[in-house]
């Protein structure tokens, strides 16, 4: 599966869920920042793993 489609599918599966941004470690200098689903406890995006880039056609 293409990485663009994987992110799309991960986000799509959480439509309608409560999500939040969580910092781990010192909030002024966090070790990691994640987008997490409060309903199922899943880490959707992890800033230490993922980068943001424009989608390719």
Protein backbone atom coordinates (compact mmCIF):
# COMPACT_ATOMS: atom_id res chain seq x y z
CA UNK A 1 0.00 0.00 0.00
CA UNK A 2 1.31 3.45 -0.84
CA UNK A 3 2.29 5.61 2.15
CA UNK A 4 -0.12 8.36 0.99
CA UNK A 5 -3.01 5.89 1.12
CA UNK A 6 -1.94 4.53 4.53
CA UNK A 7 -2.16 7.98 6.14
CA UNK A 8 -5.48 8.65 4.41
CA UNK A 9 -6.91 5.36 5.71
CA UNK A 10 -5.57 5.92 9.25
CA UNK A 11 -7.18 9.36 9.45
CA UNK A 12 -10.40 8.20 7.79
CA UNK A 13 -10.87 5.43 10.35
CA UNK A 14 -11.04 8.08 13.11
CA UNK A 15 -13.63 10.39 11.52
CA UNK A 16 -16.09 11.34 14.26
CA UNK A 17 -13.75 10.24 17.07
CA UNK A 18 -12.42 12.54 19.78
CA UNK A 19 -8.71 13.14 19.12
CA UNK A 20 -6.07 15.17 20.95
CA UNK A 21 -2.47 16.30 20.66
CA UNK A 22 -0.31 14.80 23.43
CA UNK A 23 3.22 15.80 24.44
CA UNK A 24 5.52 13.28 26.12
CA UNK A 25 8.22 14.46 28.48
CA UNK A 26 8.74 18.13 29.34
CA UNK A 27 5.94 20.17 27.75
CA UNK A 28 8.38 23.04 27.02
CA UNK A 29 10.81 20.64 25.31
CA UNK A 30 8.89 17.40 24.62
CA UNK A 31 10.58 14.16 23.62
CA UNK A 32 7.64 13.38 21.31
CA UNK A 33 4.30 14.85 20.20
CA UNK A 34 1.47 12.64 18.98
CA UNK A 35 -2.06 12.86 17.62
CA UNK A 36 -4.02 10.28 19.59
CA UNK A 37 -7.57 8.96 19.47
CA UNK A 38 -9.19 9.31 22.88
CA UNK A 39 -11.88 6.75 22.01
CA UNK A 40 -9.69 3.80 21.03
CA UNK A 41 -6.34 4.85 22.53
CA UNK A 42 -4.53 4.59 19.18
CA UNK A 43 -1.63 6.82 18.23
CA UNK A 44 -2.67 8.16 14.83
CA UNK A 45 0.42 10.27 14.07
CA UNK A 46 3.74 10.30 15.89
CA UNK A 47 6.02 13.28 15.16
CA UNK A 48 9.13 11.15 15.80
CA UNK A 49 8.08 8.74 13.03
CA UNK A 50 6.07 10.71 10.45
CA UNK A 51 6.88 13.81 8.44
CA UNK A 52 4.48 16.06 6.60
CA UNK A 53 4.75 16.41 2.83
CA UNK A 54 2.35 17.24 0.03
CA UNK A 55 0.44 14.33 -1.48
CA UNK A 56 1.59 13.17 -4.87
CA UNK A 57 -0.90 12.37 -7.61
